[in-house]
PDB file of all heavy atoms in Angstrom:
ATOM      1  N   VAL A   1       6.017   4.610-160.047  1.00  0.00           N
ATOM      2  CA  VAL A   1       6.143   3.159-160.191  1.00  0.00           C
ATOM      3  C   VAL A   1       6.601   2.598-158.892  1.00  0.00           C
ATOM      4  O   VAL A   1       7.552   3.055-158.306  1.00  0.00           O
ATOM      5  CB  VAL A   1       7.196   2.865-161.336  1.00  0.00           C
ATOM      6  CG1 VAL A   1       7.462   1.379-161.385  1.00  0.00           C
ATOM      7  CG2 VAL A   1       6.681   3.362-162.658  1.00  0.00           C
ATOM      8  N   GLN A   2       5.940   1.561-158.456  1.00  0.00           N
ATOM      9  CA  GLN A   2       6.331   0.836-157.239  1.00  0.00           C
ATOM     10  C   GLN A   2       6.233  -0.677-157.518  1.00  0.00           C
ATOM     11  O   GLN A   2       5.282  -1.207-158.041  1.00  0.00           O
ATOM     12  CB  GLN A   2       5.388   1.169-156.079  1.00  0.00           C
ATOM     13  CG  GLN A   2       5.570   2.599-155.629  1.00  0.00           C
ATOM     14  CD  GLN A   2       4.779   2.879-154.322  1.00  0.00           C
ATOM     15  OE1 GLN A   2       4.004   2.017-153.861  1.00  0.00           O
ATOM     16  NE2 GLN A   2       4.957   4.010-153.742  1.00  0.00           N
ATOM     17  N   LEU A   3       7.311  -1.367-157.064  1.00  0.00           N
ATOM     18  CA  LEU A   3       7.391  -2.826-157.090  1.00  0.00           C
ATOM     19  C   LEU A   3       7.730  -3.338-155.715  1.00  0.00           C
ATOM     20  O   LEU A   3       8.692  -2.921-155.171  1.00  0.00           O
ATOM     21  CB  LEU A   3       8.429  -3.295-158.159  1.00  0.00           C
ATOM     22  CG  LEU A   3       8.242  -2.798-159.556  1.00  0.00           C
ATOM     23  CD1 LEU A   3       9.464  -3.036-160.384  1.00  0.00           C
ATOM     24  CD2 LEU A   3       7.039  -3.382-160.214  1.00  0.00           C
ATOM     25  N   VAL A   4       6.909  -4.300-155.207  1.00  0.00           N
ATOM     26  CA  VAL A   4       7.103  -4.797-153.844  1.00  0.00           C
ATOM     27  C   VAL A   4       7.197  -6.262-153.908  1.00  0.00           C
ATOM     28  O   VAL A   4       6.184  -6.958-154.150  1.00  0.00           O
ATOM     29  CB  VAL A   4       6.010  -4.284-152.893  1.00  0.00           C
ATOM     30  CG1 VAL A   4       6.248  -4.819-151.496  1.00  0.00           C
ATOM     31  CG2 VAL A   4       5.917  -2.780-152.905  1.00  0.00           C
ATOM     32  N   GLU A   5       8.384  -6.853-153.613  1.00  0.00           N
ATOM     33  CA  GLU A   5       8.547  -8.268-153.613  1.00  0.00           C
ATOM     34  C   GLU A   5       8.228  -8.840-152.257  1.00  0.00           C
ATOM     35  O   GLU A   5       8.423  -8.169-151.228  1.00  0.00           O
ATOM     36  CB  GLU A   5      10.004  -8.632-153.928  1.00  0.00           C
ATOM     37  CG  GLU A   5      10.499  -8.156-155.267  1.00  0.00           C
ATOM     38  CD  GLU A   5      11.260  -6.856-155.186  1.00  0.00           C
ATOM     39  OE1 GLU A   5      10.996  -6.073-154.253  1.00  0.00           O
ATOM     40  OE2 GLU A   5      12.096  -6.590-156.096  1.00  0.00           O
ATOM     41  N   SER A   6       7.751 -10.115-152.200  1.00  0.00           N
ATOM     42  CA  SER A   6       7.514 -10.773-150.995  1.00  0.00           C
ATOM     43  C   SER A   6       7.675 -12.317-151.286  1.00  0.00           C
ATOM     44  O   SER A   6       7.788 -12.715-152.430  1.00  0.00           O
ATOM     45  CB  SER A   6       6.156 -10.506-150.470  1.00  0.00           C
ATOM     46  OG  SER A   6       5.107 -10.930-151.369  1.00  0.00           O
ATOM     47  N   GLY A   7       7.732 -13.076-150.158  1.00  0.00           N
ATOM     48  CA  GLY A   7       7.733 -14.526-150.282  1.00  0.00           C
ATOM     49  C   GLY A   7       9.052 -15.228-150.057  1.00  0.00           C
ATOM     50  O   GLY A   7       9.108 -16.468-150.016  1.00  0.00           O
ATOM     51  N   GLY A   8      10.083 -14.435-149.850  1.00  0.00           N
ATOM     52  CA  GLY A   8      11.376 -15.054-149.544  1.00  0.00           C
ATOM     53  C   GLY A   8      11.436 -15.639-148.165  1.00  0.00           C
ATOM     54  O   GLY A   8      10.568 -15.467-147.361  1.00  0.00           O
ATOM     55  N   GLY A   9      12.521 -16.388-147.903  1.00  0.00           N
ATOM     56  CA  GLY A   9      12.673 -16.991-146.606  1.00  0.00           C
ATOM     57  C   GLY A   9      13.787 -17.959-146.633  1.00  0.00           C
ATOM     58  O   GLY A   9      14.603 -18.107-147.593  1.00  0.00           O
ATOM     59  N   LEU A  10      13.865 -18.815-145.596  1.00  0.00           N
ATOM     60  CA  LEU A  10      14.831 -19.835-145.438  1.00  0.00           C
ATOM     61  C   LEU A  10      14.184 -21.185-145.856  1.00  0.00           C
ATOM     62  O   LEU A  10      13.104 -21.543-145.371  1.00  0.00           O
ATOM     63  CB  LEU A  10      15.263 -19.922-144.036  1.00  0.00           C
ATOM     64  CG  LEU A  10      16.216 -21.077-143.643  1.00  0.00           C
ATOM     65  CD1 LEU A  10      17.580 -20.944-144.394  1.00  0.00           C
ATOM     66  CD2 LEU A  10      16.469 -21.090-142.135  1.00  0.00           C
ATOM     67  N   VAL A  11      14.861 -21.921-146.703  1.00  0.00           N
ATOM     68  CA  VAL A  11      14.340 -23.211-147.172  1.00  0.00           C
ATOM     69  C   VAL A  11      15.465 -24.202-147.277  1.00  0.00           C
ATOM     70  O   VAL A  11      16.611 -23.812-147.544  1.00  0.00           O
ATOM     71  CB  VAL A  11      13.593 -23.030-148.543  1.00  0.00           C
ATOM     72  CG1 VAL A  11      14.528 -22.595-149.626  1.00  0.00           C
ATOM     73  CG2 VAL A  11      12.845 -24.308-148.913  1.00  0.00           C
ATOM     74  N   GLN A  12      15.219 -25.487-147.084  1.00  0.00           N
ATOM     75  CA  GLN A  12      16.229 -26.509-147.204  1.00  0.00           C
ATOM     76  C   GLN A  12      16.480 -26.835-148.660  1.00  0.00           C
ATOM     77  O   GLN A  12      15.597 -26.605-149.534  1.00  0.00           O
ATOM     78  CB  GLN A  12      15.762 -27.787-146.489  1.00  0.00           C
ATOM     79  CG  GLN A  12      15.699 -27.602-144.996  1.00  0.00           C
ATOM     80  CD  GLN A  12      15.333 -28.933-144.291  1.00  0.00           C
ATOM     81  OE1 GLN A  12      14.930 -29.869-144.920  1.00  0.00           O
ATOM     82  NE2 GLN A  12      15.542 -28.992-143.004  1.00  0.00           N
ATOM     83  N   PRO A  13      17.688 -27.288-148.991  1.00  0.00           N
ATOM     84  CA  PRO A  13      17.959 -27.702-150.385  1.00  0.00           C
ATOM     85  C   PRO A  13      16.887 -28.734-150.837  1.00  0.00           C
ATOM     86  O   PRO A  13      16.475 -29.638-150.073  1.00  0.00           O
ATOM     87  CB  PRO A  13      19.320 -28.423-150.263  1.00  0.00           C
ATOM     88  CG  PRO A  13      19.938 -27.669-149.163  1.00  0.00           C
ATOM     89  CD  PRO A  13      18.840 -27.460-148.107  1.00  0.00           C
ATOM     90  N   GLY A  14      16.451 -28.588-152.069  1.00  0.00           N
ATOM     91  CA  GLY A  14      15.344 -29.398-152.623  1.00  0.00           C
ATOM     92  C   GLY A  14      13.991 -28.870-152.396  1.00  0.00           C
ATOM     93  O   GLY A  14      13.014 -29.371-152.944  1.00  0.00           O
ATOM     94  N   GLY A  15      13.834 -27.819-151.508  1.00  0.00           N
ATOM     95  CA  GLY A  15      12.547 -27.249-151.239  1.00  0.00           C
ATOM     96  C   GLY A  15      12.116 -26.255-152.257  1.00  0.00           C
ATOM     97  O   GLY A  15      12.735 -26.074-153.286  1.00  0.00           O
ATOM     98  N   SER A  16      10.957 -25.622-151.997  1.00  0.00           N
ATOM     99  CA  SER A  16      10.325 -24.713-152.919  1.00  0.00           C
ATOM    100  C   SER A  16       9.933 -23.400-152.206  1.00  0.00           C
ATOM    101  O   SER A  16       9.611 -23.414-151.031  1.00  0.00           O
ATOM    102  CB  SER A  16       9.077 -25.340-153.543  1.00  0.00           C
ATOM    103  OG  SER A  16       9.457 -26.471-154.280  1.00  0.00           O
ATOM    104  N   LEU A  17       9.890 -22.373-152.982  1.00  0.00           N
ATOM    105  CA  LEU A  17       9.370 -21.085-152.578  1.00  0.00           C
ATOM    106  C   LEU A  17       8.628 -20.459-153.751  1.00  0.00           C
ATOM    107  O   LEU A  17       9.005 -20.648-154.915  1.00  0.00           O
ATOM    108  CB  LEU A  17      10.423 -20.130-152.086  1.00  0.00           C
ATOM    109  CG  LEU A  17      11.041 -20.322-150.700  1.00  0.00           C
ATOM    110  CD1 LEU A  17      12.250 -19.416-150.520  1.00  0.00           C
ATOM    111  CD2 LEU A  17      10.083 -20.176-149.631  1.00  0.00           C
ATOM    112  N   ARG A  18       7.608 -19.593-153.496  1.00  0.00           N
ATOM    113  CA  ARG A  18       6.994 -18.787-154.553  1.00  0.00           C
ATOM    114  C   ARG A  18       7.201 -17.310-154.166  1.00  0.00           C
ATOM    115  O   ARG A  18       6.704 -16.906-153.046  1.00  0.00           O
ATOM    116  CB  ARG A  18       5.523 -19.167-154.693  1.00  0.00           C
ATOM    117  CG  ARG A  18       4.799 -18.176-155.684  1.00  0.00           C
ATOM    118  CD  ARG A  18       3.384 -18.509-155.900  1.00  0.00           C
ATOM    119  NE  ARG A  18       3.269 -19.607-156.837  1.00  0.00           N
ATOM    120  CZ  ARG A  18       2.120 -20.098-157.319  1.00  0.00           C
ATOM    121  NH1 ARG A  18       0.932 -19.509-156.933  1.00  0.00           N
ATOM    122  NH2 ARG A  18       2.106 -21.098-158.178  1.00  0.00           N
ATOM    123  N   LEU A  19       7.831 -16.615-154.974  1.00  0.00           N
ATOM    124  CA  LEU A  19       7.990 -15.114-154.782  1.00  0.00           C
ATOM    125  C   LEU A  19       6.903 -14.424-155.520  1.00  0.00           C
ATOM    126  O   LEU A  19       6.426 -14.814-156.615  1.00  0.00           O
ATOM    127  CB  LEU A  19       9.339 -14.692-155.288  1.00  0.00           C
ATOM    128  CG  LEU A  19      10.607 -15.412-154.728  1.00  0.00           C
ATOM    129  CD1 LEU A  19      11.841 -14.748-155.338  1.00  0.00           C
ATOM    130  CD2 LEU A  19      10.613 -15.445-153.247  1.00  0.00           C
ATOM    131  N   SER A  20       6.452 -13.289-154.983  1.00  0.00           N
ATOM    132  CA  SER A  20       5.501 -12.422-155.601  1.00  0.00           C
ATOM    133  C   SER A  20       6.059 -10.991-155.721  1.00  0.00           C
ATOM    134  O   SER A  20       6.837 -10.592-154.871  1.00  0.00           O
ATOM    135  CB  SER A  20       4.237 -12.337-154.803  1.00  0.00           C
ATOM    136  OG  SER A  20       3.618 -13.598-154.661  1.00  0.00           O
ATOM    137  N   CYS A  21       5.604 -10.297-156.737  1.00  0.00           N
ATOM    138  CA  CYS A  21       5.930  -8.934-156.904  1.00  0.00           C
ATOM    139  C   CYS A  21       4.700  -8.154-157.274  1.00  0.00           C
ATOM    140  O   CYS A  21       4.116  -8.367-158.335  1.00  0.00           O
ATOM    141  CB  CYS A  21       7.036  -8.704-157.998  1.00  0.00           C
ATOM    142  SG  CYS A  21       7.378  -6.990-158.444  1.00  0.00           S
ATOM    143  N   ALA A  22       4.258  -7.280-156.337  1.00  0.00           N
ATOM    144  CA  ALA A  22       3.064  -6.507-156.580  1.00  0.00           C
ATOM    145  C   ALA A  22       3.464  -5.167-157.198  1.00  0.00           C
ATOM    146  O   ALA A  22       4.312  -4.476-156.650  1.00  0.00           O
ATOM    147  CB  ALA A  22       2.328  -6.280-155.265  1.00  0.00           C
ATOM    148  N   ALA A  23       2.852  -4.829-158.322  1.00  0.00           N
ATOM    149  CA  ALA A  23       3.137  -3.612-159.054  1.00  0.00           C
ATOM    150  C   ALA A  23       2.078  -2.585-158.981  1.00  0.00           C
ATOM    151  O   ALA A  23       0.874  -2.889-158.904  1.00  0.00           O
ATOM    152  CB  ALA A  23       3.409  -3.955-160.518  1.00  0.00           C
ATOM    153  N   SER A  24       2.485  -1.302-159.008  1.00  0.00           N
ATOM    154  CA  SER A  24       1.526  -0.200-159.045  1.00  0.00           C
ATOM    155  C   SER A  24       2.198   1.000-159.741  1.00  0.00           C
ATOM    156  O   SER A  24       3.382   1.027-159.838  1.00  0.00           O
ATOM    157  CB  SER A  24       1.020   0.161-157.639  1.00  0.00           C
ATOM    158  OG  SER A  24       2.090   0.557-156.804  1.00  0.00           O
ATOM    159  N   GLY A  25       1.393   1.955-160.105  1.00  0.00           N
ATOM    160  CA  GLY A  25       1.894   3.202-160.726  1.00  0.00           C
ATOM    161  C   GLY A  25       2.099   3.202-162.195  1.00  0.00           C
ATOM    162  O   GLY A  25       2.510   4.168-162.788  1.00  0.00           O
ATOM    163  N   PHE A  26       1.687   2.125-162.859  1.00  0.00           N
ATOM    164  CA  PHE A  26       1.762   1.987-164.303  1.00  0.00           C
ATOM    165  C   PHE A  26       0.742   0.958-164.737  1.00  0.00           C
ATOM    166  O   PHE A  26       0.274   0.190-163.914  1.00  0.00           O
ATOM    167  CB  PHE A  26       3.152   1.705-164.798  1.00  0.00           C
ATOM    168  CG  PHE A  26       3.704   0.388-164.277  1.00  0.00           C
ATOM    169  CD1 PHE A  26       3.775  -0.684-165.195  1.00  0.00           C
ATOM    170  CD2 PHE A  26       4.246   0.219-163.036  1.00  0.00           C
ATOM    171  CE1 PHE A  26       4.346  -1.874-164.737  1.00  0.00           C
ATOM    172  CE2 PHE A  26       4.752  -0.948-162.572  1.00  0.00           C
ATOM    173  CZ  PHE A  26       4.798  -2.014-163.448  1.00  0.00           C
ATOM    174  N   THR A  27       0.434   0.888-166.014  1.00  0.00           N
ATOM    175  CA  THR A  27      -0.483  -0.056-166.539  1.00  0.00           C
ATOM    176  C   THR A  27       0.254  -1.393-166.711  1.00  0.00           C
ATOM    177  O   THR A  27       0.786  -1.704-167.798  1.00  0.00           O
ATOM    178  CB  THR A  27      -1.090   0.442-167.844  1.00  0.00           C
ATOM    179  OG1 THR A  27      -1.620   1.750-167.663  1.00  0.00           O
ATOM    180  CG2 THR A  27      -2.245  -0.495-168.317  1.00  0.00           C
ATOM    181  N   PHE A  28       0.212  -2.187-165.701  1.00  0.00           N
ATOM    182  CA  PHE A  28       0.970  -3.384-165.574  1.00  0.00           C
ATOM    183  C   PHE A  28       0.846  -4.313-166.808  1.00  0.00           C
ATOM    184  O   PHE A  28       1.847  -4.886-167.277  1.00  0.00           O
ATOM    185  CB  PHE A  28       0.587  -4.171-164.324  1.00  0.00           C
ATOM    186  CG  PHE A  28       1.306  -5.422-164.066  1.00  0.00           C
ATOM    187  CD1 PHE A  28       2.576  -5.419-163.540  1.00  0.00           C
ATOM    188  CD2 PHE A  28       0.678  -6.633-164.321  1.00  0.00           C
ATOM    189  CE1 PHE A  28       3.193  -6.591-163.297  1.00  0.00           C
ATOM    190  CE2 PHE A  28       1.348  -7.846-164.084  1.00  0.00           C
ATOM    191  CZ  PHE A  28       2.549  -7.853-163.567  1.00  0.00           C
ATOM    192  N   ARG A  29      -0.337  -4.477-167.329  1.00  0.00           N
ATOM    193  CA  ARG A  29      -0.575  -5.442-168.371  1.00  0.00           C
ATOM    194  C   ARG A  29       0.122  -5.185-169.637  1.00  0.00           C
ATOM    195  O   ARG A  29       0.177  -6.011-170.591  1.00  0.00           O
ATOM    196  CB  ARG A  29      -2.107  -5.661-168.594  1.00  0.00           C
ATOM    197  CG  ARG A  29      -2.761  -4.393-169.205  1.00  0.00           C
ATOM    198  CD  ARG A  29      -4.283  -4.654-169.345  1.00  0.00           C
ATOM    199  NE  ARG A  29      -4.971  -3.537-169.935  1.00  0.00           N
ATOM    200  CZ  ARG A  29      -5.449  -2.499-169.270  1.00  0.00           C
ATOM    201  NH1 ARG A  29      -5.262  -2.386-167.968  1.00  0.00           N
ATOM    202  NH2 ARG A  29      -6.046  -1.512-169.902  1.00  0.00           N
ATOM    203  N   TYR A  30       0.658  -3.944-169.810  1.00  0.00           N
ATOM    204  CA  TYR A  30       1.343  -3.521-171.019  1.00  0.00           C
ATOM    205  C   TYR A  30       2.849  -3.812-170.962  1.00  0.00           C
ATOM    206  O   TYR A  30       3.556  -3.598-171.972  1.00  0.00           O
ATOM    207  CB  TYR A  30       1.191  -2.077-171.362  1.00  0.00           C
ATOM    208  CG  TYR A  30      -0.217  -1.613-171.659  1.00  0.00           C
ATOM    209  CD1 TYR A  30      -0.621  -0.311-171.457  1.00  0.00           C
ATOM    210  CD2 TYR A  30      -1.192  -2.525-172.204  1.00  0.00           C
ATOM    211  CE1 TYR A  30      -1.926   0.085-171.706  1.00  0.00           C
ATOM    212  CE2 TYR A  30      -2.447  -2.094-172.529  1.00  0.00           C
ATOM    213  CZ  TYR A  30      -2.819  -0.762-172.258  1.00  0.00           C
ATOM    214  OH  TYR A  30      -4.086  -0.377-172.578  1.00  0.00           O
ATOM    215  N   TYR A  31       3.373  -4.235-169.862  1.00  0.00           N
ATOM    216  CA  TYR A  31       4.858  -4.241-169.653  1.00  0.00           C
ATOM    217  C   TYR A  31       5.470  -5.625-169.418  1.00  0.00           C
ATOM    218  O   TYR A  31       4.940  -6.500-168.755  1.00  0.00           O
ATOM    219  CB  TYR A  31       5.182  -3.304-168.436  1.00  0.00           C
ATOM    220  CG  TYR A  31       5.006  -1.877-168.783  1.00  0.00           C
ATOM    221  CD1 TYR A  31       3.773  -1.276-168.724  1.00  0.00           C
ATOM    222  CD2 TYR A  31       6.086  -1.130-169.291  1.00  0.00           C
ATOM    223  CE1 TYR A  31       3.629   0.099-169.082  1.00  0.00           C
ATOM    224  CE2 TYR A  31       5.950   0.183-169.609  1.00  0.00           C
ATOM    225  CZ  TYR A  31       4.695   0.824-169.544  1.00  0.00           C
ATOM    226  OH  TYR A  31       4.573   2.072-169.901  1.00  0.00           O
ATOM    227  N   PHE A  32       6.594  -5.735-170.043  1.00  0.00           N
ATOM    228  CA  PHE A  32       7.538  -6.837-169.882  1.00  0.00           C
ATOM    229  C   PHE A  32       8.060  -6.805-168.443  1.00  0.00           C
ATOM    230  O   PHE A  32       8.406  -5.747-167.888  1.00  0.00           O
ATOM    231  CB  PHE A  32       8.663  -6.650-170.881  1.00  0.00           C
ATOM    232  CG  PHE A  32       9.671  -7.732-171.003  1.00  0.00           C
ATOM    233  CD1 PHE A  32       9.493  -8.773-171.869  1.00  0.00           C
ATOM    234  CD2 PHE A  32      10.828  -7.649-170.294  1.00  0.00           C
ATOM    235  CE1 PHE A  32      10.489  -9.699-172.057  1.00  0.00           C
ATOM    236  CE2 PHE A  32      11.859  -8.606-170.443  1.00  0.00           C
ATOM    237  CZ  PHE A  32      11.624  -9.636-171.348  1.00  0.00           C
ATOM    238  N   MET A  33       8.135  -7.994-167.738  1.00  0.00           N
ATOM    239  CA  MET A  33       8.585  -8.027-166.379  1.00  0.00           C
ATOM    240  C   MET A  33       9.712  -9.041-166.288  1.00  0.00           C
ATOM    241  O   MET A  33       9.811 -10.043-166.991  1.00  0.00           O
ATOM    242  CB  MET A  33       7.467  -8.464-165.477  1.00  0.00           C
ATOM    243  CG  MET A  33       6.325  -7.496-165.370  1.00  0.00           C
ATOM    244  SD  MET A  33       6.794  -5.830-164.651  1.00  0.00           S
ATOM    245  CE  MET A  33       7.233  -6.312-163.014  1.00  0.00           C
ATOM    246  N   THR A  34      10.623  -8.764-165.324  1.00  0.00           N
ATOM    247  CA  THR A  34      11.749  -9.674-165.119  1.00  0.00           C
ATOM    248  C   THR A  34      12.023  -9.886-163.616  1.00  0.00           C
ATOM    249  O   THR A  34      11.584  -9.072-162.799  1.00  0.00           O
ATOM    250  CB  THR A  34      13.057  -9.079-165.737  1.00  0.00           C
ATOM    251  OG1 THR A  34      13.308  -7.787-165.177  1.00  0.00           O
ATOM    252  CG2 THR A  34      12.902  -8.946-167.256  1.00  0.00           C
ATOM    253  N   TRP A  35      12.707 -10.981-163.345  1.00  0.00           N
ATOM    254  CA  TRP A  35      13.245 -11.197-161.990  1.00  0.00           C
ATOM    255  C   TRP A  35      14.785 -11.295-162.162  1.00  0.00           C
ATOM    256  O   TRP A  35      15.305 -11.930-163.043  1.00  0.00           O
ATOM    257  CB  TRP A  35      12.762 -12.552-161.424  1.00  0.00           C
ATOM    258  CG  TRP A  35      11.374 -12.532-160.924  1.00  0.00           C
ATOM    259  CD1 TRP A  35      10.211 -12.938-161.533  1.00  0.00           C
ATOM    260  CD2 TRP A  35      10.975 -12.161-159.599  1.00  0.00           C
ATOM    261  NE1 TRP A  35       9.153 -12.841-160.777  1.00  0.00           N
ATOM    262  CE2 TRP A  35       9.564 -12.356-159.558  1.00  0.00           C
ATOM    263  CE3 TRP A  35      11.621 -11.653-158.479  1.00  0.00           C
ATOM    264  CZ2 TRP A  35       8.837 -12.051-158.386  1.00  0.00           C
ATOM    265  CZ3 TRP A  35      10.921 -11.332-157.344  1.00  0.00           C
ATOM    266  CH2 TRP A  35       9.523 -11.528-157.301  1.00  0.00           C
ATOM    267  N   TYR A  36      15.416 -10.580-161.248  1.00  0.00           N
ATOM    268  CA  TYR A  36      16.863 -10.666-161.122  1.00  0.00           C
ATOM    269  C   TYR A  36      17.238 -11.200-159.693  1.00  0.00           C
ATOM    270  O   TYR A  36      16.373 -11.171-158.801  1.00  0.00           O
ATOM    271  CB  TYR A  36      17.511  -9.282-161.279  1.00  0.00           C
ATOM    272  CG  TYR A  36      17.608  -8.745-162.668  1.00  0.00           C
ATOM    273  CD1 TYR A  36      16.397  -8.230-163.299  1.00  0.00           C
ATOM    274  CD2 TYR A  36      18.753  -8.678-163.362  1.00  0.00           C
ATOM    275  CE1 TYR A  36      16.503  -7.754-164.575  1.00  0.00           C
ATOM    276  CE2 TYR A  36      18.832  -8.146-164.646  1.00  0.00           C
ATOM    277  CZ  TYR A  36      17.702  -7.711-165.214  1.00  0.00           C
ATOM    278  OH  TYR A  36      17.769  -7.180-166.540  1.00  0.00           O
ATOM    279  N   ARG A  37      18.474 -11.586-159.565  1.00  0.00           N
ATOM    280  CA  ARG A  37      18.959 -11.910-158.200  1.00  0.00           C
ATOM    281  C   ARG A  37      20.411 -11.432-158.048  1.00  0.00           C
ATOM    282  O   ARG A  37      21.123 -11.277-158.990  1.00  0.00           O
ATOM    283  CB  ARG A  37      18.852 -13.423-157.938  1.00  0.00           C
ATOM    284  CG  ARG A  37      19.775 -14.298-158.796  1.00  0.00           C
ATOM    285  CD  ARG A  37      19.463 -15.788-158.449  1.00  0.00           C
ATOM    286  NE  ARG A  37      20.338 -16.663-159.258  1.00  0.00           N
ATOM    287  CZ  ARG A  37      20.258 -17.952-159.291  1.00  0.00           C
ATOM    288  NH1 ARG A  37      19.291 -18.559-158.601  1.00  0.00           N
ATOM    289  NH2 ARG A  37      21.093 -18.650-159.979  1.00  0.00           N
ATOM    290  N   GLN A  38      20.736 -11.231-156.775  1.00  0.00           N
ATOM    291  CA  GLN A  38      22.113 -10.762-156.478  1.00  0.00           C
ATOM    292  C   GLN A  38      22.593 -11.494-155.241  1.00  0.00           C
ATOM    293  O   GLN A  38      21.980 -11.344-154.172  1.00  0.00           O
ATOM    294  CB  GLN A  38      22.179  -9.299-156.300  1.00  0.00           C
ATOM    295  CG  GLN A  38      23.647  -8.805-156.159  1.00  0.00           C
ATOM    296  CD  GLN A  38      23.747  -7.300-156.277  1.00  0.00           C
ATOM    297  OE1 GLN A  38      22.804  -6.557-156.037  1.00  0.00           O
ATOM    298  NE2 GLN A  38      24.879  -6.794-156.619  1.00  0.00           N
ATOM    299  N   ALA A  39      23.651 -12.309-155.336  1.00  0.00           N
ATOM    300  CA  ALA A  39      24.239 -12.977-154.254  1.00  0.00           C
ATOM    301  C   ALA A  39      25.402 -12.116-153.717  1.00  0.00           C
ATOM    302  O   ALA A  39      25.953 -11.262-154.437  1.00  0.00           O
ATOM    303  CB  ALA A  39      24.785 -14.340-154.637  1.00  0.00           C
ATOM    304  N   PRO A  40      25.764 -12.306-152.400  1.00  0.00           N
ATOM    305  CA  PRO A  40      26.904 -11.488-151.848  1.00  0.00           C
ATOM    306  C   PRO A  40      28.156 -11.662-152.682  1.00  0.00           C
ATOM    307  O   PRO A  40      28.569 -12.721-153.082  1.00  0.00           O
ATOM    308  CB  PRO A  40      27.091 -12.105-150.470  1.00  0.00           C
ATOM    309  CG  PRO A  40      25.714 -12.652-150.162  1.00  0.00           C
ATOM    310  CD  PRO A  40      25.170 -13.222-151.436  1.00  0.00           C
ATOM    311  N   GLY A  41      28.754 -10.470-153.034  1.00  0.00           N
ATOM    312  CA  GLY A  41      30.006 -10.497-153.812  1.00  0.00           C
ATOM    313  C   GLY A  41      29.867 -10.696-155.283  1.00  0.00           C
ATOM    314  O   GLY A  41      30.849 -10.790-155.983  1.00  0.00           O
ATOM    315  N   LYS A  42      28.604 -10.825-155.740  1.00  0.00           N
ATOM    316  CA  LYS A  42      28.368 -11.034-157.188  1.00  0.00           C
ATOM    317  C   LYS A  42      27.530  -9.967-157.761  1.00  0.00           C
ATOM    318  O   LYS A  42      26.826  -9.228-157.068  1.00  0.00           O
ATOM    319  CB  LYS A  42      27.687 -12.409-157.410  1.00  0.00           C
ATOM    320  CG  LYS A  42      28.544 -13.577-156.987  1.00  0.00           C
ATOM    321  CD  LYS A  42      27.887 -14.884-157.390  1.00  0.00           C
ATOM    322  CE  LYS A  42      28.782 -16.098-157.044  1.00  0.00           C
ATOM    323  NZ  LYS A  42      28.096 -17.369-157.419  1.00  0.00           N
TER     324      LYS A  42
END
């Protein structure tokens, strides 16, 4: 199983970004997917 995120960067408040996660090693269409985040100290 491999998951590779991309699309992050620096943006001003009020701006937009689109993140992508490319999956391999399993039959992707059968699986529930989630996004998590972790800020420093949290």
